[in-house]
Amino acid sequence: MSIFDFSAVAMNGKRTLLEEYKGKTVLIVNTAGRCGFTYQYKELQSLYDRYKDKGFVILGFPCNQFDHQEPDSNKQIEISCMINYGVNFPLFQKIDVRDDNAHPLFSYLSHQKPFDGFNESHPVSKILIPLINEKHPEYLIDEHSIKWNFTKFLIDPNGKVVKRFECTSDPIDMEQDIEKLLSEASV
């Protein structure tokens, strides 16, 4: 099994088979427009701009499960991402990424690479960790589920999950891993 066994609905309403991304290095991320990590849209777009011509793609999946930080409609999300952050990497319609109604793709991803903790030295961690412990301790019960917005999964060109990055890993922190996969794919 790989990510190529899944599909999702793009912002334009068209069902997209993820096998369309075979042969590419893929970064899958659950996003939200009103989160302390929303600034990562801009950094993700910079990564996409830098590597898209080398076989890299980012797939964004908005989600409203974490403190209702993505309440907008799909159309509003798409427009906001474009206007505020210049996003032109593929975005999909809003989904759930954890619990009973989780999209099968995210259930698969989260079971391929378990949660390995937050980077406690990240500036937003000072707010995020106490918030989760106080308001949503159930998020931390298991080792697999998505814990917050902007959890990122790096996928190799064969559709295999290589690495999981939590929200407290900024996109720039992933650059070496992306470059490594791209260089291995070009050999």
N, C-alpha and C. Protein backbone atom coordinates (compact mmCIF):
# COMPACT_ATOMS: atom_id res chain seq x y z
N MET A 1 0.84 -1.19 0.00
CA MET A 1 0.00 0.00 0.00
C MET A 1 0.88 1.25 0.00
N SER A 2 0.39 2.31 -0.64
CA SER A 2 1.10 3.58 -0.66
C SER A 2 0.07 4.70 -0.76
N ILE A 3 0.52 5.95 -0.82
CA ILE A 3 -0.43 7.06 -0.96
C ILE A 3 -1.16 6.98 -2.28
N PHE A 4 -0.59 6.26 -3.25
CA PHE A 4 -1.19 6.17 -4.58
C PHE A 4 -2.48 5.35 -4.59
N ASP A 5 -2.79 4.70 -3.47
CA ASP A 5 -4.03 3.94 -3.35
C ASP A 5 -5.21 4.82 -2.92
N PHE A 6 -4.97 6.12 -2.73
CA PHE A 6 -6.00 7.02 -2.21
C PHE A 6 -6.37 8.08 -3.23
N SER A 7 -7.50 8.70 -2.98
CA SER A 7 -7.95 9.83 -3.78
C SER A 7 -8.51 10.88 -2.83
N ALA A 8 -8.68 12.09 -3.35
CA ALA A 8 -9.26 13.18 -2.57
C ALA A 8 -9.93 14.15 -3.54
N VAL A 9 -10.78 15.00 -3.01
CA VAL A 9 -11.50 15.96 -3.84
C VAL A 9 -10.74 17.28 -3.84
N ALA A 10 -10.34 17.70 -5.04
CA ALA A 10 -9.62 18.97 -5.20
C ALA A 10 -10.58 20.14 -4.95
N MET A 11 -10.02 21.31 -4.81
CA MET A 11 -10.85 22.50 -4.56
C MET A 11 -11.87 22.73 -5.66
N ASN A 12 -11.57 22.30 -6.88
CA ASN A 12 -12.51 22.49 -7.99
C ASN A 12 -13.63 21.45 -8.00
N GLY A 13 -13.64 20.55 -7.00
CA GLY A 13 -14.68 19.55 -6.89
C GLY A 13 -14.38 18.25 -7.61
N LYS A 14 -13.24 18.19 -8.29
CA LYS A 14 -12.86 16.99 -9.05
C LYS A 14 -12.14 16.00 -8.15
N ARG A 15 -12.56 14.73 -8.20
CA ARG A 15 -11.85 13.68 -7.46
C ARG A 15 -10.51 13.46 -8.13
N THR A 16 -9.45 13.50 -7.32
CA THR A 16 -8.09 13.35 -7.82
C THR A 16 -7.49 12.07 -7.26
N LEU A 17 -6.99 11.23 -8.15
CA LEU A 17 -6.28 10.03 -7.73
C LEU A 17 -4.85 10.44 -7.40
N LEU A 18 -4.39 10.08 -6.22
CA LEU A 18 -3.03 10.49 -5.83
C LEU A 18 -1.96 9.80 -6.65
N GLU A 19 -2.34 8.77 -7.40
CA GLU A 19 -1.37 8.14 -8.29
C GLU A 19 -0.89 9.12 -9.37
N GLU A 20 -1.60 10.24 -9.53
CA GLU A 20 -1.14 11.29 -10.44
C GLU A 20 0.23 11.83 -10.04
N TYR A 21 0.59 11.62 -8.79
CA TYR A 21 1.86 12.16 -8.27
C TYR A 21 2.97 11.12 -8.21
N LYS A 22 2.75 9.96 -8.85
CA LYS A 22 3.79 8.93 -8.91
C LYS A 22 5.05 9.54 -9.53
N GLY A 23 6.20 9.20 -8.93
CA GLY A 23 7.47 9.68 -9.44
C GLY A 23 7.88 11.03 -8.87
N LYS A 24 7.01 11.65 -8.08
CA LYS A 24 7.33 12.94 -7.46
C LYS A 24 7.62 12.76 -5.97
N THR A 25 8.41 13.65 -5.44
CA THR A 25 8.57 13.78 -3.99
C THR A 25 7.40 14.64 -3.53
N VAL A 26 6.62 14.14 -2.58
CA VAL A 26 5.37 14.77 -2.18
C VAL A 26 5.43 15.16 -0.70
N LEU A 27 4.91 16.34 -0.39
CA LEU A 27 4.72 16.75 1.00
C LEU A 27 3.22 16.94 1.20
N ILE A 28 2.64 16.16 2.11
CA ILE A 28 1.21 16.26 2.41
C ILE A 28 1.08 16.96 3.76
N VAL A 29 0.21 17.97 3.81
CA VAL A 29 0.08 18.76 5.04
C VAL A 29 -1.39 19.10 5.29
N ASN A 30 -1.81 18.97 6.56
CA ASN A 30 -3.14 19.44 6.93
C ASN A 30 -3.01 20.90 7.38
N THR A 31 -3.86 21.74 6.87
CA THR A 31 -3.70 23.19 7.04
C THR A 31 -4.90 23.82 7.75
N ALA A 32 -4.72 25.06 8.16
CA ALA A 32 -5.81 25.86 8.73
C ALA A 32 -5.45 27.34 8.59
N GLY A 33 -6.44 28.15 8.31
CA GLY A 33 -6.22 29.56 8.02
C GLY A 33 -6.21 30.49 9.21
N ARG A 34 -6.55 30.00 10.40
CA ARG A 34 -6.61 30.88 11.57
C ARG A 34 -5.87 30.25 12.75
N CYS A 35 -4.68 29.78 12.46
CA CYS A 35 -3.88 29.02 13.42
C CYS A 35 -2.57 29.75 13.67
N GLY A 36 -1.96 29.49 14.80
CA GLY A 36 -0.66 30.07 15.08
C GLY A 36 0.43 29.62 14.12
N PHE A 37 0.13 28.59 13.33
CA PHE A 37 1.10 28.08 12.35
C PHE A 37 0.71 28.45 10.91
N THR A 38 -0.31 29.26 10.73
CA THR A 38 -0.77 29.60 9.38
C THR A 38 0.32 30.28 8.56
N TYR A 39 1.26 30.95 9.21
CA TYR A 39 2.38 31.57 8.49
C TYR A 39 3.15 30.54 7.66
N GLN A 40 3.00 29.25 8.01
CA GLN A 40 3.72 28.21 7.27
C GLN A 40 3.25 28.10 5.82
N TYR A 41 2.06 28.59 5.51
CA TYR A 41 1.63 28.61 4.11
C TYR A 41 2.68 29.31 3.24
N LYS A 42 3.14 30.45 3.70
CA LYS A 42 4.12 31.21 2.92
C LYS A 42 5.43 30.43 2.76
N GLU A 43 5.87 29.79 3.83
CA GLU A 43 7.10 28.99 3.77
C GLU A 43 6.92 27.75 2.91
N LEU A 44 5.75 27.14 2.97
CA LEU A 44 5.47 26.00 2.11
C LEU A 44 5.50 26.42 0.65
N GLN A 45 4.90 27.58 0.36
CA GLN A 45 4.91 28.08 -1.02
C GLN A 45 6.32 28.35 -1.50
N SER A 46 7.18 28.86 -0.62
CA SER A 46 8.58 29.09 -1.00
C SER A 46 9.28 27.78 -1.34
N LEU A 47 9.05 26.73 -0.54
CA LEU A 47 9.62 25.42 -0.84
C LEU A 47 9.10 24.90 -2.18
N TYR A 48 7.81 25.06 -2.39
CA TYR A 48 7.21 24.60 -3.64
C TYR A 48 7.83 25.32 -4.83
N ASP A 49 7.95 26.64 -4.73
CA ASP A 49 8.54 27.42 -5.81
C ASP A 49 9.98 26.98 -6.10
N ARG A 50 10.71 26.69 -5.06
CA ARG A 50 12.12 26.33 -5.20
C ARG A 50 12.33 24.95 -5.83
N TYR A 51 11.43 24.00 -5.55
CA TYR A 51 11.67 22.62 -5.96
C TYR A 51 10.65 22.02 -6.93
N LYS A 52 9.59 22.75 -7.28
CA LYS A 52 8.54 22.15 -8.12
C LYS A 52 9.06 21.70 -9.48
N ASP A 53 10.05 22.39 -10.03
CA ASP A 53 10.59 22.00 -11.34
C ASP A 53 11.56 20.83 -11.24
N LYS A 54 11.81 20.37 -10.01
CA LYS A 54 12.72 19.24 -9.80
C LYS A 54 11.96 17.98 -9.38
N GLY A 55 10.62 18.04 -9.47
CA GLY A 55 9.83 16.85 -9.15
C GLY A 55 9.24 16.85 -7.76
N PHE A 56 8.98 18.03 -7.20
CA PHE A 56 8.43 18.16 -5.85
C PHE A 56 7.05 18.78 -5.92
N VAL A 57 6.12 18.27 -5.10
CA VAL A 57 4.79 18.85 -5.02
C VAL A 57 4.32 18.84 -3.57
N ILE A 58 3.54 19.84 -3.23
CA ILE A 58 2.91 19.93 -1.90
C ILE A 58 1.41 19.76 -2.11
N LEU A 59 0.78 18.96 -1.27
CA LEU A 59 -0.67 18.77 -1.30
C LEU A 59 -1.23 19.26 0.02
N GLY A 60 -2.06 20.30 -0.03
CA GLY A 60 -2.63 20.89 1.17
C GLY A 60 -4.06 20.43 1.41
N PHE A 61 -4.33 20.03 2.66
CA PHE A 61 -5.64 19.53 3.06
C PHE A 61 -6.17 20.35 4.24
N PRO A 62 -6.99 21.36 3.99
CA PRO A 62 -7.57 22.14 5.09
C PRO A 62 -8.41 21.27 6.02
N CYS A 63 -8.37 21.63 7.30
CA CYS A 63 -9.08 20.86 8.33
C CYS A 63 -9.55 21.82 9.43
N ASN A 64 -10.75 21.60 9.91
CA ASN A 64 -11.32 22.46 10.95
C ASN A 64 -11.43 21.75 12.30
N GLN A 65 -10.68 20.69 12.51
CA GLN A 65 -10.84 19.89 13.72
C GLN A 65 -10.10 20.45 14.94
N PHE A 66 -9.18 21.33 14.76
CA PHE A 66 -8.34 21.77 15.87
C PHE A 66 -8.72 23.19 16.28
N ASP A 67 -9.55 23.27 17.30
CA ASP A 67 -10.07 24.54 17.82
C ASP A 67 -10.77 25.39 16.75
N HIS A 68 -11.37 24.73 15.78
CA HIS A 68 -12.17 25.40 14.73
C HIS A 68 -11.38 26.51 14.05
N GLN A 69 -10.13 26.20 13.68
CA GLN A 69 -9.25 27.21 13.09
C GLN A 69 -9.31 27.26 11.57
N GLU A 70 -10.27 26.53 10.98
CA GLU A 70 -10.50 26.62 9.54
C GLU A 70 -12.00 26.56 9.27
N PRO A 71 -12.73 27.61 9.72
CA PRO A 71 -14.18 27.59 9.60
C PRO A 71 -14.70 27.99 8.22
N ASP A 72 -13.85 28.51 7.35
CA ASP A 72 -14.29 29.06 6.07
C ASP A 72 -14.71 27.97 5.09
N SER A 73 -15.43 28.38 4.07
CA SER A 73 -15.82 27.47 2.99
C SER A 73 -14.59 27.13 2.15
N ASN A 74 -14.69 26.09 1.36
CA ASN A 74 -13.58 25.71 0.49
C ASN A 74 -13.18 26.86 -0.43
N LYS A 75 -14.16 27.54 -1.00
CA LYS A 75 -13.86 28.66 -1.91
C LYS A 75 -13.14 29.78 -1.17
N GLN A 76 -13.61 30.12 0.04
CA GLN A 76 -12.95 31.16 0.84
C GLN A 76 -11.51 30.76 1.19
N ILE A 77 -11.31 29.49 1.52
CA ILE A 77 -9.97 28.99 1.85
C ILE A 77 -9.05 29.17 0.65
N GLU A 78 -9.52 28.74 -0.51
CA GLU A 78 -8.72 28.83 -1.73
C GLU A 78 -8.33 30.28 -2.04
N ILE A 79 -9.30 31.19 -1.95
CA ILE A 79 -9.04 32.60 -2.24
C ILE A 79 -8.08 33.19 -1.20
N SER A 80 -8.31 32.90 0.07
CA SER A 80 -7.45 33.42 1.13
C SER A 80 -6.02 32.94 0.98
N CYS A 81 -5.84 31.67 0.66
CA CYS A 81 -4.49 31.12 0.49
C CYS A 81 -3.77 31.81 -0.67
N MET A 82 -4.52 32.06 -1.74
CA MET A 82 -3.92 32.68 -2.92
C MET A 82 -3.58 34.15 -2.64
N ILE A 83 -4.51 34.88 -2.08
CA ILE A 83 -4.31 36.32 -1.87
C ILE A 83 -3.31 36.59 -0.75
N ASN A 84 -3.43 35.89 0.37
CA ASN A 84 -2.59 36.20 1.54
C ASN A 84 -1.22 35.55 1.52
N TYR A 85 -1.10 34.39 0.83
CA TYR A 85 0.18 33.65 0.90
C TYR A 85 0.73 33.27 -0.47
N GLY A 86 0.01 33.61 -1.53
CA GLY A 86 0.48 33.29 -2.87
C GLY A 86 0.46 31.80 -3.19
N VAL A 87 -0.36 31.04 -2.47
CA VAL A 87 -0.37 29.59 -2.63
C VAL A 87 -0.86 29.20 -4.02
N ASN A 88 -0.04 28.42 -4.71
CA ASN A 88 -0.49 27.83 -5.98
C ASN A 88 -0.18 26.34 -6.05
N PHE A 89 0.23 25.74 -4.91
CA PHE A 89 0.34 24.29 -4.89
C PHE A 89 -1.06 23.71 -4.72
N PRO A 90 -1.27 22.44 -5.08
CA PRO A 90 -2.62 21.86 -5.04
C PRO A 90 -3.22 21.86 -3.63
N LEU A 91 -4.45 22.36 -3.56
CA LEU A 91 -5.24 22.32 -2.33
C LEU A 91 -6.46 21.45 -2.56
N PHE A 92 -6.85 20.75 -1.53
CA PHE A 92 -8.01 19.87 -1.60
C PHE A 92 -9.10 20.40 -0.69
N GLN A 93 -10.32 19.89 -0.87
CA GLN A 93 -11.43 20.34 -0.04
C GLN A 93 -11.22 19.91 1.40
N LYS A 94 -11.85 20.65 2.27
CA LYS A 94 -11.72 20.45 3.71
C LYS A 94 -12.10 19.02 4.11
N ILE A 95 -11.29 18.45 5.00
CA ILE A 95 -11.51 17.08 5.47
C ILE A 95 -11.24 16.99 6.96
N ASP A 96 -11.58 15.85 7.55
CA ASP A 96 -11.15 15.51 8.91
C ASP A 96 -9.88 14.68 8.77
N VAL A 97 -8.96 14.88 9.71
CA VAL A 97 -7.68 14.16 9.65
C VAL A 97 -7.45 13.24 10.84
N ARG A 98 -8.39 13.22 11.77
CA ARG A 98 -8.26 12.34 12.94
C ARG A 98 -9.66 11.88 13.39
N ASP A 99 -9.67 10.90 14.26
CA ASP A 99 -10.90 10.36 14.84
C ASP A 99 -11.71 9.56 13.82
N ASP A 100 -12.96 9.30 14.14
CA ASP A 100 -13.78 8.36 13.37
C ASP A 100 -14.01 8.77 11.92
N ASN A 101 -14.09 10.06 11.65
CA ASN A 101 -14.38 10.51 10.29
C ASN A 101 -13.13 10.93 9.52
N ALA A 102 -11.97 10.53 10.00
CA ALA A 102 -10.72 10.90 9.32
C ALA A 102 -10.70 10.38 7.89
N HIS A 103 -10.20 11.21 7.00
CA HIS A 103 -10.02 10.77 5.62
C HIS A 103 -9.07 9.58 5.64
N PRO A 104 -9.35 8.53 4.87
CA PRO A 104 -8.49 7.33 4.88
C PRO A 104 -7.02 7.63 4.60
N LEU A 105 -6.73 8.64 3.80
CA LEU A 105 -5.33 9.01 3.53
C LEU A 105 -4.62 9.37 4.82
N PHE A 106 -5.27 10.18 5.66
CA PHE A 106 -4.61 10.62 6.89
C PHE A 106 -4.55 9.51 7.93
N SER A 107 -5.51 8.60 7.93
CA SER A 107 -5.40 7.43 8.80
C SER A 107 -4.18 6.62 8.40
N TYR A 108 -4.02 6.43 7.10
CA TYR A 108 -2.87 5.69 6.59
C TYR A 108 -1.55 6.40 6.95
N LEU A 109 -1.47 7.69 6.65
CA LEU A 109 -0.24 8.45 6.90
C LEU A 109 0.16 8.39 8.37
N SER A 110 -0.81 8.64 9.25
CA SER A 110 -0.49 8.71 10.67
C SER A 110 -0.06 7.36 11.24
N HIS A 111 -0.46 6.28 10.59
CA HIS A 111 -0.02 4.96 11.05
C HIS A 111 1.30 4.52 10.44
N GLN A 112 1.74 5.23 9.42
CA GLN A 112 3.04 4.92 8.82
C GLN A 112 4.19 5.52 9.64
N LYS A 113 3.95 6.70 10.17
CA LYS A 113 4.98 7.39 10.99
C LYS A 113 4.29 7.93 12.24
N PRO A 114 4.63 7.40 13.41
CA PRO A 114 3.97 7.84 14.64
C PRO A 114 4.42 9.23 15.09
N PHE A 115 3.63 9.79 15.96
CA PHE A 115 3.94 11.07 16.60
C PHE A 115 5.20 10.89 17.43
N ASP A 116 6.13 11.81 17.25
CA ASP A 116 7.42 11.72 17.96
C ASP A 116 7.63 12.93 18.86
N GLY A 117 6.56 13.62 19.21
CA GLY A 117 6.66 14.77 20.10
C GLY A 117 6.77 16.08 19.35
N PHE A 118 6.48 17.15 20.07
CA PHE A 118 6.62 18.50 19.52
C PHE A 118 8.02 19.02 19.80
N ASN A 119 8.48 19.92 18.97
CA ASN A 119 9.73 20.63 19.21
C ASN A 119 9.42 21.69 20.27
N GLU A 120 9.80 21.43 21.50
CA GLU A 120 9.43 22.30 22.60
C GLU A 120 10.15 23.64 22.58
N SER A 121 11.20 23.76 21.76
CA SER A 121 11.90 25.05 21.68
C SER A 121 11.29 25.97 20.60
N HIS A 122 10.32 25.45 19.84
CA HIS A 122 9.64 26.28 18.84
C HIS A 122 8.84 27.35 19.58
N PRO A 123 8.88 28.61 19.11
CA PRO A 123 8.17 29.69 19.83
C PRO A 123 6.69 29.44 20.05
N VAL A 124 5.99 28.81 19.12
CA VAL A 124 4.56 28.60 19.28
C VAL A 124 4.26 27.47 20.27
N SER A 125 5.26 26.63 20.55
CA SER A 125 5.06 25.52 21.50
C SER A 125 4.65 26.02 22.88
N LYS A 126 5.12 27.19 23.24
CA LYS A 126 4.79 27.75 24.56
C LYS A 126 3.29 27.97 24.73
N ILE A 127 2.60 28.14 23.61
CA ILE A 127 1.14 28.31 23.62
C ILE A 127 0.46 26.98 23.32
N LEU A 128 0.96 26.27 22.32
CA LEU A 128 0.31 25.06 21.83
C LEU A 128 0.26 23.94 22.87
N ILE A 129 1.38 23.61 23.47
CA ILE A 129 1.44 22.46 24.38
C ILE A 129 0.52 22.64 25.59
N PRO A 130 0.55 23.81 26.26
CA PRO A 130 -0.41 23.98 27.37
C PRO A 130 -1.87 23.95 26.89
N LEU A 131 -2.13 24.49 25.71
CA LEU A 131 -3.49 24.49 25.17
C LEU A 131 -3.98 23.07 24.95
N ILE A 132 -3.16 22.23 24.33
CA ILE A 132 -3.56 20.83 24.09
C ILE A 132 -3.73 20.11 25.43
N ASN A 133 -2.79 20.29 26.34
CA ASN A 133 -2.88 19.61 27.64
C ASN A 133 -4.13 20.01 28.42
N GLU A 134 -4.53 21.28 28.30
CA GLU A 134 -5.68 21.77 29.04
C GLU A 134 -7.01 21.46 28.35
N LYS A 135 -7.09 21.77 27.06
CA LYS A 135 -8.37 21.68 26.35
C LYS A 135 -8.58 20.37 25.58
N HIS A 136 -7.49 19.73 25.16
CA HIS A 136 -7.62 18.55 24.31
C HIS A 136 -6.63 17.45 24.68
N PRO A 137 -6.58 17.03 25.93
CA PRO A 137 -5.62 15.98 26.31
C PRO A 137 -5.85 14.67 25.55
N GLU A 138 -7.06 14.48 25.03
CA GLU A 138 -7.36 13.26 24.27
C GLU A 138 -6.54 13.18 22.98
N TYR A 139 -6.06 14.32 22.49
CA TYR A 139 -5.23 14.32 21.27
C TYR A 139 -3.92 13.57 21.49
N LEU A 140 -3.46 13.52 22.74
CA LEU A 140 -2.14 12.96 23.03
C LEU A 140 -2.19 11.51 23.51
N ILE A 141 -3.38 10.92 23.57
CA ILE A 141 -3.53 9.57 24.12
C ILE A 141 -2.81 8.52 23.29
N ASP A 142 -2.92 8.60 21.98
CA ASP A 142 -2.30 7.57 21.13
C ASP A 142 -1.05 8.14 20.46
N GLU A 143 -0.29 7.27 19.86
CA GLU A 143 0.97 7.71 19.26
C GLU A 143 0.87 7.95 17.76
N HIS A 144 -0.31 7.76 17.18
CA HIS A 144 -0.40 7.87 15.73
C HIS A 144 -1.20 9.06 15.23
N SER A 145 -2.26 9.42 15.89
CA SER A 145 -3.17 10.41 15.32
C SER A 145 -2.49 11.76 15.08
N ILE A 146 -3.12 12.54 14.23
CA ILE A 146 -2.67 13.91 13.97
C ILE A 146 -2.99 14.72 15.22
N LYS A 147 -2.02 15.49 15.67
CA LYS A 147 -2.17 16.23 16.92
C LYS A 147 -2.61 17.68 16.73
N TRP A 148 -2.30 18.28 15.54
CA TRP A 148 -2.63 19.69 15.32
C TRP A 148 -2.51 20.01 13.84
N ASN A 149 -2.89 21.23 13.49
CA ASN A 149 -2.75 21.73 12.13
C ASN A 149 -1.27 21.74 11.72
N PHE A 150 -1.05 21.66 10.43
CA PHE A 150 0.29 21.74 9.83
C PHE A 150 1.21 20.58 10.24
N THR A 151 0.60 19.40 10.38
CA THR A 151 1.39 18.17 10.46
C THR A 151 1.74 17.82 9.02
N LYS A 152 2.99 17.48 8.79
CA LYS A 152 3.49 17.29 7.43
C LYS A 152 4.10 15.90 7.26
N PHE A 153 3.81 15.28 6.11
CA PHE A 153 4.35 13.96 5.79
C PHE A 153 5.13 14.05 4.49
N LEU A 154 6.38 13.64 4.52
CA LEU A 154 7.23 13.64 3.34
C LEU A 154 7.17 12.24 2.72
N ILE A 155 6.86 12.21 1.43
CA ILE A 155 6.62 10.96 0.70
C ILE A 155 7.64 10.84 -0.43
N ASP A 156 8.21 9.64 -0.59
CA ASP A 156 9.17 9.45 -1.68
C ASP A 156 8.44 9.21 -3.00
N PRO A 157 9.16 9.21 -4.13
CA PRO A 157 8.52 9.07 -5.44
C PRO A 157 7.76 7.76 -5.65
N ASN A 158 7.98 6.77 -4.79
CA ASN A 158 7.25 5.51 -4.86
C ASN A 158 6.01 5.50 -3.98
N GLY A 159 5.72 6.63 -3.33
CA GLY A 159 4.52 6.73 -2.50
C GLY A 159 4.70 6.29 -1.07
N LYS A 160 5.95 6.04 -0.66
CA LYS A 160 6.23 5.59 0.70
C LYS A 160 6.45 6.79 1.64
N VAL A 161 5.86 6.73 2.82
CA VAL A 161 6.02 7.79 3.82
C VAL A 161 7.43 7.68 4.40
N VAL A 162 8.21 8.74 4.24
CA VAL A 162 9.59 8.75 4.68
C VAL A 162 9.74 9.38 6.06
N LYS A 163 9.01 10.48 6.29
CA LYS A 163 9.20 11.21 7.54
C LYS A 163 7.94 12.00 7.87
N ARG A 164 7.72 12.17 9.17
CA ARG A 164 6.61 12.98 9.68
C ARG A 164 7.20 14.18 10.40
N PHE A 165 6.65 15.34 10.12
CA PHE A 165 7.06 16.58 10.77
C PHE A 165 5.83 17.17 11.45
N GLU A 166 5.95 17.45 12.72
CA GLU A 166 4.82 18.06 13.43
C GLU A 166 4.74 19.55 13.11
N CYS A 167 3.69 20.17 13.60
CA CYS A 167 3.48 21.60 13.34
C CYS A 167 4.65 22.45 13.84
N THR A 168 5.35 21.97 14.83
CA THR A 168 6.47 22.72 15.40
C THR A 168 7.76 22.53 14.61
N SER A 169 7.67 21.89 13.45
CA SER A 169 8.78 21.87 12.50
C SER A 169 8.39 22.81 11.38
N ASP A 170 9.14 23.87 11.22
CA ASP A 170 8.86 24.81 10.14
C ASP A 170 9.28 24.20 8.81
N PRO A 171 8.62 24.60 7.72
CA PRO A 171 8.96 24.04 6.42
C PRO A 171 10.45 24.12 6.07
N ILE A 172 11.12 25.16 6.44
CA ILE A 172 12.55 25.29 6.15
C ILE A 172 13.34 24.15 6.80
N ASP A 173 12.84 23.63 7.93
CA ASP A 173 13.51 22.53 8.62
C ASP A 173 13.48 21.23 7.83
N MET A 174 12.65 21.17 6.80
CA MET A 174 12.49 19.96 6.01
C MET A 174 13.34 19.97 4.74
N GLU A 175 13.95 21.09 4.46
CA GLU A 175 14.60 21.28 3.17
C GLU A 175 15.66 20.23 2.86
N GLN A 176 16.49 19.88 3.82
CA GLN A 176 17.53 18.87 3.57
C GLN A 176 16.92 17.51 3.23
N ASP A 177 15.86 17.16 3.92
CA ASP A 177 15.19 15.88 3.64
C ASP A 177 14.58 15.88 2.23
N ILE A 178 14.01 17.01 1.84
CA ILE A 178 13.43 17.13 0.50
C ILE A 178 14.53 17.02 -0.55
N GLU A 179 15.62 17.76 -0.36
CA GLU A 179 16.74 17.73 -1.31
C GLU A 179 17.31 16.32 -1.44
N LYS A 180 17.40 15.61 -0.32
CA LYS A 180 17.93 14.24 -0.35
C LYS A 180 17.05 13.34 -1.21
N LEU A 181 15.74 13.40 -1.02
CA LEU A 181 14.82 12.58 -1.81
C LEU A 181 14.87 12.97 -3.29
N LEU A 182 14.96 14.26 -3.56
CA LEU A 182 15.03 14.70 -4.96
C LEU A 182 16.32 14.24 -5.63
N SER A 183 17.42 14.28 -4.89
CA SER A 183 18.70 13.85 -5.47
C SER A 183 18.71 12.35 -5.69
N GLU A 184 18.12 11.58 -4.77
CA GLU A 184 18.03 10.12 -4.94
C GLU A 184 17.15 9.76 -6.13
N ALA A 185 16.11 10.53 -6.35
CA ALA A 185 15.19 10.26 -7.46
C ALA A 185 15.82 10.56 -8.81
N SER A 186 16.78 11.48 -8.84
CA SER A 186 17.39 11.87 -10.11
C SER A 186 18.58 11.00 -10.48
N VAL A 187 18.94 10.06 -9.59
CA VAL A 187 20.10 9.20 -9.88
C VAL A 187 19.71 8.05 -10.77
